[in-house]
C-alpha atoms as a PDB file:
ATOM      1  CA  MET A   1       7.817  -4.001  20.078  1.00  0.00           C
ATOM      2  CA  THR A   2       6.212  -0.918  21.605  1.00  0.00           C
ATOM      3  CA  TYR A   3       5.016   1.473  18.919  1.00  0.00           C
ATOM      4  CA  GLU A   4       5.870   5.153  19.227  1.00  0.00           C
ATOM      5  CA  ASN A   5       5.282   6.165  15.609  1.00  0.00           C
ATOM      6  CA  ILE A   6       2.264   4.117  14.528  1.00  0.00           C
ATOM      7  CA  LYS A   7      -0.929   2.604  15.899  1.00  0.00           C
ATOM      8  CA  LEU A   8      -2.147  -0.916  15.123  1.00  0.00           C
ATOM      9  CA  GLU A   9      -5.773  -1.925  15.637  1.00  0.00           C
ATOM     10  CA  ILE A  10      -7.587  -5.087  14.563  1.00  0.00           C
ATOM     11  CA  ALA A  11     -11.381  -5.269  14.661  1.00  0.00           C
ATOM     12  CA  ASP A  12     -13.800  -7.489  12.759  1.00  0.00           C
ATOM     13  CA  GLN A  13     -10.863  -9.068  10.891  1.00  0.00           C
ATOM     14  CA  VAL A  14      -9.772  -5.680   9.523  1.00  0.00           C
ATOM     15  CA  ALA A  15      -6.378  -4.350  10.615  1.00  0.00           C
ATOM     16  CA  THR A  16      -5.689  -0.617  10.593  1.00  0.00           C
ATOM     17  CA  ILE A  17      -2.167   0.780  10.731  1.00  0.00           C
ATOM     18  CA  THR A  18      -2.196   4.518  11.415  1.00  0.00           C
ATOM     19  CA  LEU A  19       0.991   6.501  10.865  1.00  0.00           C
ATOM     20  CA  ASN A  20       1.057   8.524  14.053  1.00  0.00           C
ATOM     21  CA  GLN A  21       3.428  11.473  13.953  1.00  0.00           C
ATOM     22  CA  PRO A  22       0.909  14.180  12.987  1.00  0.00           C
ATOM     23  CA  SER A  23       3.118  17.057  14.145  1.00  0.00           C
ATOM     24  CA  ARG A  24       5.598  15.984  11.449  1.00  0.00           C
ATOM     25  CA  MET A  25       2.912  15.185   8.857  1.00  0.00           C
ATOM     26  CA  ASN A  26       3.704  11.525   9.538  1.00  0.00           C
ATOM     27  CA  ALA A  27       7.119  11.781   7.899  1.00  0.00           C
ATOM     28  CA  CYS A  28       8.516   8.264   7.865  1.00  0.00           C
ATOM     29  CA  SER A  29      11.594   7.902  10.043  1.00  0.00           C
ATOM     30  CA  LEU A  30      13.675   4.741  10.088  1.00  0.00           C
ATOM     31  CA  ASP A  31      11.974   3.836  13.365  1.00  0.00           C
ATOM     32  CA  MET A  32       8.536   4.289  11.810  1.00  0.00           C
ATOM     33  CA  ALA A  33       9.499   2.069   8.878  1.00  0.00           C
ATOM     34  CA  ASP A  34      10.707  -0.623  11.267  1.00  0.00           C
ATOM     35  CA  GLU A  35       7.530  -0.372  13.345  1.00  0.00           C
ATOM     36  CA  ILE A  36       5.362  -0.818  10.244  1.00  0.00           C
ATOM     37  CA  ILE A  37       7.379  -3.908   9.280  1.00  0.00           C
ATOM     38  CA  ASP A  38       6.859  -5.301  12.771  1.00  0.00           C
ATOM     39  CA  ALA A  39       3.121  -4.572  12.648  1.00  0.00           C
ATOM     40  CA  LEU A  40       2.815  -6.363   9.304  1.00  0.00           C
ATOM     41  CA  ASP A  41       4.017  -9.513  11.068  1.00  0.00           C
ATOM     42  CA  LYS A  42       1.115  -9.296  13.541  1.00  0.00           C
ATOM     43  CA  LEU A  43      -1.833  -9.610  11.182  1.00  0.00           C
ATOM     44  CA  GLU A  44      -2.693 -13.267  11.781  1.00  0.00           C
ATOM     45  CA  ASP A  45      -6.244 -12.351  12.813  1.00  0.00           C
ATOM     46  CA  ALA A  46      -6.798  -9.937   9.922  1.00  0.00           C
ATOM     47  CA  ARG A  47      -8.199 -10.606   6.469  1.00  0.00           C
ATOM     48  CA  ALA A  48      -7.780  -7.062   5.147  1.00  0.00           C
ATOM     49  CA  LEU A  49      -5.507  -4.116   5.975  1.00  0.00           C
ATOM     50  CA  ILE A  50      -6.027  -0.354   5.944  1.00  0.00           C
ATOM     51  CA  ILE A  51      -3.091   2.062   6.178  1.00  0.00           C
ATOM     52  CA  THR A  52      -3.799   5.734   6.855  1.00  0.00           C
ATOM     53  CA  GLY A  53      -2.248   8.768   8.516  1.00  0.00           C
ATOM     54  CA  GLU A  54      -3.188  10.644  11.676  1.00  0.00           C
ATOM     55  CA  GLY A  55      -4.025  14.315  11.264  1.00  0.00           C
ATOM     56  CA  ARG A  56      -3.740  16.370   8.086  1.00  0.00           C
ATOM     57  CA  ALA A  57      -1.349  14.178   6.091  1.00  0.00           C
ATOM     58  CA  PHE A  58      -0.930  10.594   5.024  1.00  0.00           C
ATOM     59  CA  CYS A  59       2.875  10.698   4.970  1.00  0.00           C
ATOM     60  CA  ALA A  60       5.132  13.587   3.970  1.00  0.00           C
ATOM     61  CA  GLY A  61       7.966  11.289   2.890  1.00  0.00           C
ATOM     62  CA  ALA A  62      11.109  10.179   4.646  1.00  0.00           C
ATOM     63  CA  ASP A  63      11.867  12.096   7.828  1.00  0.00           C
ATOM     64  CA  LEU A  64      14.962  14.066   6.845  1.00  0.00           C
ATOM     65  CA  GLN A  65      15.425  15.466  10.347  1.00  0.00           C
ATOM     66  CA  ALA A  66      15.174  12.215  12.261  1.00  0.00           C
ATOM     67  CA  LYS A  67      18.241  10.230  13.219  1.00  0.00           C
ATOM     68  CA  GLY A  68      19.511   8.408  10.140  1.00  0.00           C
ATOM     69  CA  GLY A  69      17.181  10.315   7.816  1.00  0.00           C
ATOM     70  CA  GLN A  70      18.286  10.386   4.181  1.00  0.00           C
ATOM     71  CA  SER A  71      19.153  13.798   2.794  1.00  0.00           C
ATOM     72  CA  ALA A  72      21.668  15.524   0.581  1.00  0.00           C
ATOM     73  CA  VAL A  73      23.366  16.767   3.747  1.00  0.00           C
ATOM     74  CA  SER A  74      23.865  13.291   5.213  1.00  0.00           C
ATOM     75  CA  GLY A  75      25.357  12.051   1.944  1.00  0.00           C
ATOM     76  CA  GLY A  76      24.689   9.310  -0.549  1.00  0.00           C
ATOM     77  CA  GLN A  77      25.957   6.419   1.546  1.00  0.00           C
ATOM     78  CA  ALA A  78      23.594   7.279   4.412  1.00  0.00           C
ATOM     79  CA  ALA A  79      20.666   7.503   1.998  1.00  0.00           C
ATOM     80  CA  TYR A  80      21.654   4.183   0.424  1.00  0.00           C
ATOM     81  CA  SER A  81      21.924   2.518   3.825  1.00  0.00           C
ATOM     82  CA  SER A  82      18.530   3.778   5.015  1.00  0.00           C
ATOM     83  CA  LEU A  83      16.893   2.432   1.855  1.00  0.00           C
ATOM     84  CA  ILE A  84      18.596  -0.954   1.880  1.00  0.00           C
ATOM     85  CA  LYS A  85      18.107  -1.571   5.615  1.00  0.00           C
ATOM     86  CA  HIS A  86      14.723   0.034   6.296  1.00  0.00           C
ATOM     87  CA  TYR A  87      12.573   1.467   3.497  1.00  0.00           C
ATOM     88  CA  ASN A  88      13.142  -1.209   0.848  1.00  0.00           C
ATOM     89  CA  PRO A  89      12.364  -4.074   3.268  1.00  0.00           C
ATOM     90  CA  LEU A  90       9.137  -2.244   4.167  1.00  0.00           C
ATOM     91  CA  MET A  91       8.083  -1.931   0.528  1.00  0.00           C
ATOM     92  CA  LEU A  92       8.888  -5.585  -0.170  1.00  0.00           C
ATOM     93  CA  LYS A  93       6.966  -6.642   2.942  1.00  0.00           C
ATOM     94  CA  LEU A  94       3.904  -4.747   1.730  1.00  0.00           C
ATOM     95  CA  SER A  95       4.155  -6.354  -1.699  1.00  0.00           C
ATOM     96  CA  LYS A  96       4.232  -9.876  -0.284  1.00  0.00           C
ATOM     97  CA  LEU A  97       1.262  -9.661   2.102  1.00  0.00           C
ATOM     98  CA  ASP A  98      -1.318 -12.385   1.591  1.00  0.00           C
ATOM     99  CA  ILE A  99      -4.305 -10.179   2.476  1.00  0.00           C
ATOM    100  CA  PRO A 100      -5.794  -7.282   0.484  1.00  0.00           C
ATOM    101  CA  THR A 101      -4.506  -3.818   1.367  1.00  0.00           C
ATOM    102  CA  ILE A 102      -6.205  -0.436   1.216  1.00  0.00           C
ATOM    103  CA  THR A 103      -4.624   2.955   1.766  1.00  0.00           C
ATOM    104  CA  ALA A 104      -6.811   5.853   2.905  1.00  0.00           C
ATOM    105  CA  VAL A 105      -4.840   8.859   1.690  1.00  0.00           C
ATOM    106  CA  ASN A 106      -5.577  12.014   3.662  1.00  0.00           C
ATOM    107  CA  GLY A 107      -3.564  15.071   2.659  1.00  0.00           C
ATOM    108  CA  ALA A 108       0.015  14.753   1.445  1.00  0.00           C
ATOM    109  CA  ALA A 109       1.478  11.494   0.187  1.00  0.00           C
ATOM    110  CA  ALA A 110       4.999  12.510  -0.761  1.00  0.00           C
ATOM    111  CA  GLY A 111       8.183  10.611  -1.535  1.00  0.00           C
ATOM    112  CA  VAL A 112       8.221   7.273   0.202  1.00  0.00           C
ATOM    113  CA  GLY A 113       4.770   8.177   1.540  1.00  0.00           C
ATOM    114  CA  ALA A 114       3.466   8.130  -2.023  1.00  0.00           C
ATOM    115  CA  SER A 115       5.152   4.767  -2.539  1.00  0.00           C
ATOM    116  CA  ILE A 116       3.463   3.330   0.552  1.00  0.00           C
ATOM    117  CA  ALA A 117       0.104   4.718  -0.586  1.00  0.00           C
ATOM    118  CA  LEU A 118       0.425   3.285  -4.091  1.00  0.00           C
ATOM    119  CA  ALA A 119       1.716  -0.106  -2.942  1.00  0.00           C
ATOM    120  CA  SER A 120      -1.801  -1.018  -1.842  1.00  0.00           C
ATOM    121  CA  ASP A 121      -4.367  -2.926  -3.866  1.00  0.00           C
ATOM    122  CA  PHE A 122      -6.839  -0.063  -3.474  1.00  0.00           C
ATOM    123  CA  ALA A 123      -5.701   3.517  -2.878  1.00  0.00           C
ATOM    124  CA  VAL A 124      -8.650   5.663  -1.787  1.00  0.00           C
ATOM    125  CA  VAL A 125      -7.798   9.362  -1.617  1.00  0.00           C
ATOM    126  CA  GLY A 126      -9.679  12.294  -0.137  1.00  0.00           C
ATOM    127  CA  LYS A 127     -10.246  15.374  -2.298  1.00  0.00           C
ATOM    128  CA  SER A 128      -7.664  17.302  -0.278  1.00  0.00           C
ATOM    129  CA  GLY A 129      -5.157  14.504  -0.804  1.00  0.00           C
ATOM    130  CA  TYR A 130      -2.296  14.726  -3.265  1.00  0.00           C
ATOM    131  CA  PHE A 131       0.784  12.857  -4.438  1.00  0.00           C
ATOM    132  CA  LEU A 132       4.196  14.446  -4.773  1.00  0.00           C
ATOM    133  CA  GLN A 133       7.626  13.358  -5.972  1.00  0.00           C
ATOM    134  CA  ALA A 134       9.684  16.356  -4.849  1.00  0.00           C
ATOM    135  CA  PHE A 135      13.128  14.745  -4.903  1.00  0.00           C
ATOM    136  CA  VAL A 136      14.174  16.997  -7.799  1.00  0.00           C
ATOM    137  CA  ASN A 137      13.917  19.964  -5.427  1.00  0.00           C
ATOM    138  CA  ILE A 138      16.543  18.566  -3.054  1.00  0.00           C
ATOM    139  CA  GLY A 139      18.887  16.947  -5.572  1.00  0.00           C
ATOM    140  CA  LEU A 140      17.839  13.361  -4.913  1.00  0.00           C
ATOM    141  CA  VAL A 141      15.997  10.720  -6.937  1.00  0.00           C
ATOM    142  CA  PRO A 142      12.656   8.987  -6.298  1.00  0.00           C
ATOM    143  CA  ASP A 143      12.880   5.832  -4.223  1.00  0.00           C
ATOM    144  CA  GLY A 144      10.652   3.365  -2.414  1.00  0.00           C
ATOM    145  CA  GLY A 145       9.912   1.722  -5.757  1.00  0.00           C
ATOM    146  CA  ALA A 146       8.397   4.914  -7.202  1.00  0.00           C
ATOM    147  CA  SER A 147      10.040   4.648 -10.624  1.00  0.00           C
ATOM    148  CA  TRP A 148       8.829   1.037 -10.953  1.00  0.00           C
ATOM    149  CA  MET A 149       5.302   1.697  -9.681  1.00  0.00           C
ATOM    150  CA  LEU A 150       4.523   4.968 -11.413  1.00  0.00           C
ATOM    151  CA  THR A 151       5.612   3.882 -14.885  1.00  0.00           C
ATOM    152  CA  ARG A 152       3.280   0.889 -14.571  1.00  0.00           C
ATOM    153  CA  LEU A 153       0.396   2.823 -13.040  1.00  0.00           C
ATOM    154  CA  VAL A 154       0.347   5.923 -15.242  1.00  0.00           C
ATOM    155  CA  GLY A 155       2.901   5.346 -18.013  1.00  0.00           C
ATOM    156  CA  LYS A 156       6.345   6.791 -18.649  1.00  0.00           C
ATOM    157  CA  ALA A 157       5.188  10.255 -19.766  1.00  0.00           C
ATOM    158  CA  ARG A 158       3.170  10.995 -16.637  1.00  0.00           C
ATOM    159  CA  ALA A 159       5.741   9.374 -14.357  1.00  0.00           C
ATOM    160  CA  THR A 160       8.355  11.626 -15.966  1.00  0.00           C
ATOM    161  CA  GLU A 161       6.135  14.649 -15.358  1.00  0.00           C
ATOM    162  CA  MET A 162       5.775  13.787 -11.681  1.00  0.00           C
ATOM    163  CA  MET A 163       9.460  13.084 -11.101  1.00  0.00           C
ATOM    164  CA  LEU A 164      11.284  15.653 -13.237  1.00  0.00           C
ATOM    165  CA  LEU A 165       8.941  18.568 -12.539  1.00  0.00           C
ATOM    166  CA  GLY A 166       8.152  17.702  -8.920  1.00  0.00           C
ATOM    167  CA  GLU A 167       4.593  19.016  -9.096  1.00  0.00           C
ATOM    168  CA  LYS A 168       1.624  17.916  -7.001  1.00  0.00           C
ATOM    169  CA  VAL A 169      -0.913  15.496  -8.461  1.00  0.00           C
ATOM    170  CA  SER A 170      -4.287  16.058  -6.812  1.00  0.00           C
ATOM    171  CA  GLY A 171      -6.490  13.212  -5.669  1.00  0.00           C
ATOM    172  CA  GLU A 172      -8.964  13.960  -8.442  1.00  0.00           C
ATOM    173  CA  LYS A 173      -6.250  13.983 -11.105  1.00  0.00           C
ATOM    174  CA  ALA A 174      -4.788  10.764  -9.686  1.00  0.00           C
ATOM    175  CA  ALA A 175      -8.201   9.132 -10.073  1.00  0.00           C
ATOM    176  CA  ASP A 176      -8.532  10.464 -13.629  1.00  0.00           C
ATOM    177  CA  TRP A 177      -5.103   9.040 -14.450  1.00  0.00           C
ATOM    178  CA  GLY A 178      -6.025   5.644 -13.029  1.00  0.00           C
ATOM    179  CA  MET A 179      -3.300   5.974 -10.406  1.00  0.00           C
ATOM    180  CA  VAL A 180      -5.728   5.342  -7.534  1.00  0.00           C
ATOM    181  CA  TYR A 181      -8.928   3.380  -7.007  1.00  0.00           C
ATOM    182  CA  LYS A 182     -11.106   6.426  -6.360  1.00  0.00           C
ATOM    183  CA  CYS A 183     -11.235   9.958  -4.981  1.00  0.00           C
ATOM    184  CA  VAL A 184     -13.910  10.760  -2.399  1.00  0.00           C
ATOM    185  CA  GLU A 185     -14.957  13.619  -0.145  1.00  0.00           C
ATOM    186  CA  ASP A 186     -12.601  14.015   2.808  1.00  0.00           C
ATOM    187  CA  ASP A 187     -15.260  13.301   5.402  1.00  0.00           C
ATOM    188  CA  ALA A 188     -16.178  10.053   3.626  1.00  0.00           C
ATOM    189  CA  LEU A 189     -12.616   8.750   3.303  1.00  0.00           C
ATOM    190  CA  MET A 190     -12.395   6.388   6.261  1.00  0.00           C
ATOM    191  CA  ASP A 191     -15.957   5.132   5.836  1.00  0.00           C
ATOM    192  CA  GLU A 192     -15.189   4.318   2.199  1.00  0.00           C
ATOM    193  CA  ALA A 193     -11.965   2.531   3.141  1.00  0.00           C
ATOM    194  CA  LEU A 194     -13.610   0.586   5.957  1.00  0.00           C
ATOM    195  CA  THR A 195     -16.566  -0.485   3.811  1.00  0.00           C
ATOM    196  CA  LEU A 196     -14.173  -1.768   1.167  1.00  0.00           C
ATOM    197  CA  ALA A 197     -11.982  -3.489   3.769  1.00  0.00           C
ATOM    198  CA  LYS A 198     -14.951  -5.274   5.315  1.00  0.00           C
ATOM    199  CA  ARG A 199     -16.084  -6.431   1.886  1.00  0.00           C
ATOM    200  CA  LEU A 200     -12.631  -7.848   1.159  1.00  0.00           C
ATOM    201  CA  ALA A 201     -12.337  -9.362   4.643  1.00  0.00           C
ATOM    202  CA  GLY A 202     -15.528 -11.276   3.928  1.00  0.00           C
ATOM    203  CA  GLY A 203     -14.090 -12.718   0.736  1.00  0.00           C
ATOM    204  CA  PRO A 204     -12.138 -15.924   0.016  1.00  0.00           C
ATOM    205  CA  THR A 205      -8.881 -14.884   1.678  1.00  0.00           C
ATOM    206  CA  VAL A 206      -6.676 -17.621   0.225  1.00  0.00           C
ATOM    207  CA  ALA A 207      -7.864 -16.883  -3.304  1.00  0.00           C
ATOM    208  CA  LEU A 208      -7.516 -13.126  -2.803  1.00  0.00           C
ATOM    209  CA  GLY A 209      -3.945 -13.580  -1.612  1.00  0.00           C
ATOM    210  CA  VAL A 210      -3.111 -15.707  -4.651  1.00  0.00           C
ATOM    211  CA  MET A 211      -4.703 -13.118  -6.961  1.00  0.00           C
ATOM    212  CA  ARG A 212      -2.621 -10.409  -5.321  1.00  0.00           C
ATOM    213  CA  GLN A 213       0.615 -12.281  -5.941  1.00  0.00           C
ATOM    214  CA  ASN A 214      -0.352 -13.229  -9.501  1.00  0.00           C
ATOM    215  CA  LEU A 215      -1.116  -9.616 -10.361  1.00  0.00           C
ATOM    216  CA  ALA A 216       2.271  -8.533  -9.022  1.00  0.00           C
ATOM    217  CA  ALA A 217       4.092 -11.318 -10.872  1.00  0.00           C
ATOM    218  CA  ALA A 218       2.281 -10.517 -14.130  1.00  0.00           C
ATOM    219  CA  LEU A 219       4.012  -7.143 -14.273  1.00  0.00           C
ATOM    220  CA  GLU A 220       7.339  -8.886 -14.754  1.00  0.00           C
ATOM    221  CA  SER A 221       6.511 -12.196 -16.463  1.00  0.00           C
ATOM    222  CA  ASP A 222       5.729 -13.350 -19.982  1.00  0.00           C
ATOM    223  CA  TYR A 223       2.375 -14.823 -20.990  1.00  0.00           C
ATOM    224  CA  ALA A 224       3.417 -18.456 -20.588  1.00  0.00           C
ATOM    225  CA  SER A 225       4.810 -17.790 -17.109  1.00  0.00           C
ATOM    226  CA  ALA A 226       1.617 -15.991 -16.117  1.00  0.00           C
ATOM    227  CA  LEU A 227      -0.466 -18.967 -17.274  1.00  0.00           C
ATOM    228  CA  PHE A 228       1.666 -21.332 -15.184  1.00  0.00           C
ATOM    229  CA  LYS A 229       1.518 -19.014 -12.173  1.00  0.00           C
ATOM    230  CA  GLU A 230      -2.282 -18.980 -12.433  1.00  0.00           C
ATOM    231  CA  ALA A 231      -2.384 -22.775 -12.575  1.00  0.00           C
ATOM    232  CA  GLU A 232      -0.215 -23.009  -9.460  1.00  0.00           C
ATOM    233  CA  GLY A 233      -2.409 -20.474  -7.698  1.00  0.00           C
ATOM    234  CA  GLN A 234      -5.554 -22.335  -8.681  1.00  0.00           C
ATOM    235  CA  ARG A 235      -4.150 -25.470  -7.078  1.00  0.00           C
ATOM    236  CA  VAL A 236      -3.595 -23.604  -3.809  1.00  0.00           C
ATOM    237  CA  ALA A 237      -6.944 -21.811  -3.854  1.00  0.00           C
ATOM    238  CA  GLY A 238      -8.796 -24.907  -5.017  1.00  0.00           C
ATOM    239  CA  ASP A 239      -7.740 -26.829  -1.918  1.00  0.00           C
ATOM    240  CA  SER A 240      -9.015 -24.136   0.469  1.00  0.00           C
ATOM    241  CA  GLU A 241     -12.123 -24.462   2.601  1.00  0.00           C
ATOM    242  CA  ASP A 242     -13.440 -21.262   1.053  1.00  0.00           C
ATOM    243  CA  ALA A 243     -13.306 -22.838  -2.413  1.00  0.00           C
ATOM    244  CA  ARG A 244     -15.254 -25.821  -1.111  1.00  0.00           C
ATOM    245  CA  GLU A 245     -17.824 -23.486   0.446  1.00  0.00           C
ATOM    246  CA  GLY A 246     -18.022 -21.510  -2.798  1.00  0.00           C
ATOM    247  CA  ALA A 247     -18.775 -24.633  -4.825  1.00  0.00           C
ATOM    248  CA  ILE A 248     -21.424 -25.835  -2.375  1.00  0.00           C
ATOM    249  CA  ALA A 249     -23.028 -22.381  -2.244  1.00  0.00           C
ATOM    250  CA  PHE A 250     -23.150 -22.267  -6.049  1.00  0.00           C
ATOM    251  CA  LEU A 251     -24.884 -25.626  -6.216  1.00  0.00           C
ATOM    252  CA  GLN A 252     -27.292 -24.596  -3.469  1.00  0.00           C
ATOM    253  CA  LYS A 253     -27.951 -21.248  -5.191  1.00  0.00           C
ATOM    254  CA  ARG A 254     -26.997 -19.152  -2.162  1.00  0.00           C
ATOM    255  CA  LYS A 255     -24.318 -16.615  -1.321  1.00  0.00           C
ATOM    256  CA  ALA A 256     -21.087 -18.184  -0.106  1.00  0.00           C
ATOM    257  CA  GLU A 257     -20.018 -17.550   3.495  1.00  0.00           C
ATOM    258  CA  PHE A 258     -16.238 -17.385   3.391  1.00  0.00           C
ATOM    259  CA  LYS A 259     -14.139 -17.846   6.540  1.00  0.00           C
ATOM    260  CA  GLY A 260     -10.685 -17.124   5.177  1.00  0.00           C
ATOM    261  CA  GLU A 261      -9.549 -20.729   5.375  1.00  0.00           C
END
């Protein structure tokens, strides 16, 4: 697939997907969603992923003016179809990745853009960045998993505030709420994200992937199921070359050199 709405780069085992429609504040059209899904299938050489936006915004939400864009004008069935066929598969794809993900949030992260930003393991936001659930202003409801994610990240009261009032949550407030990993100066955003990505890319990739899935499963499982899921994950991670290297390095009193195998 040739990308017209995003850029994909892989260097030093770190993949970077850049949403690349800056003139539209990187509003996510159906084509952009499909391109991101395609790019997520091309990360074989990556051990960590950064997602960011080109220009002054991370992502201003679904592109209501693009062909197939969901809006009150296009009607409920069109909105339903765009979610079921495009946006929901994207969100599920992000949740099932087996490498750590970081979002570098520059400017607006609204609607489904906020969902993409918060679907990462580490959301790093610049001080000019903000999150917005503005669906109430156009007679629609939050989507992209927002109601599921926000209630778990910040609790029902704050999720209700964001959704029913439709007010901006600044990067600094998001960090105070525990909604994001950290808020940094704008000019340090990409350096911070890249430093974190390189650290994760140098880690035990199999184990990190298992941790990622266990954390996601824990949000929906009981204690006994979580214990069993951890045991299954330990079996997978324990058979990896990185686990063997980790054990040898421990015995030799040196830092492990993980290869992601």
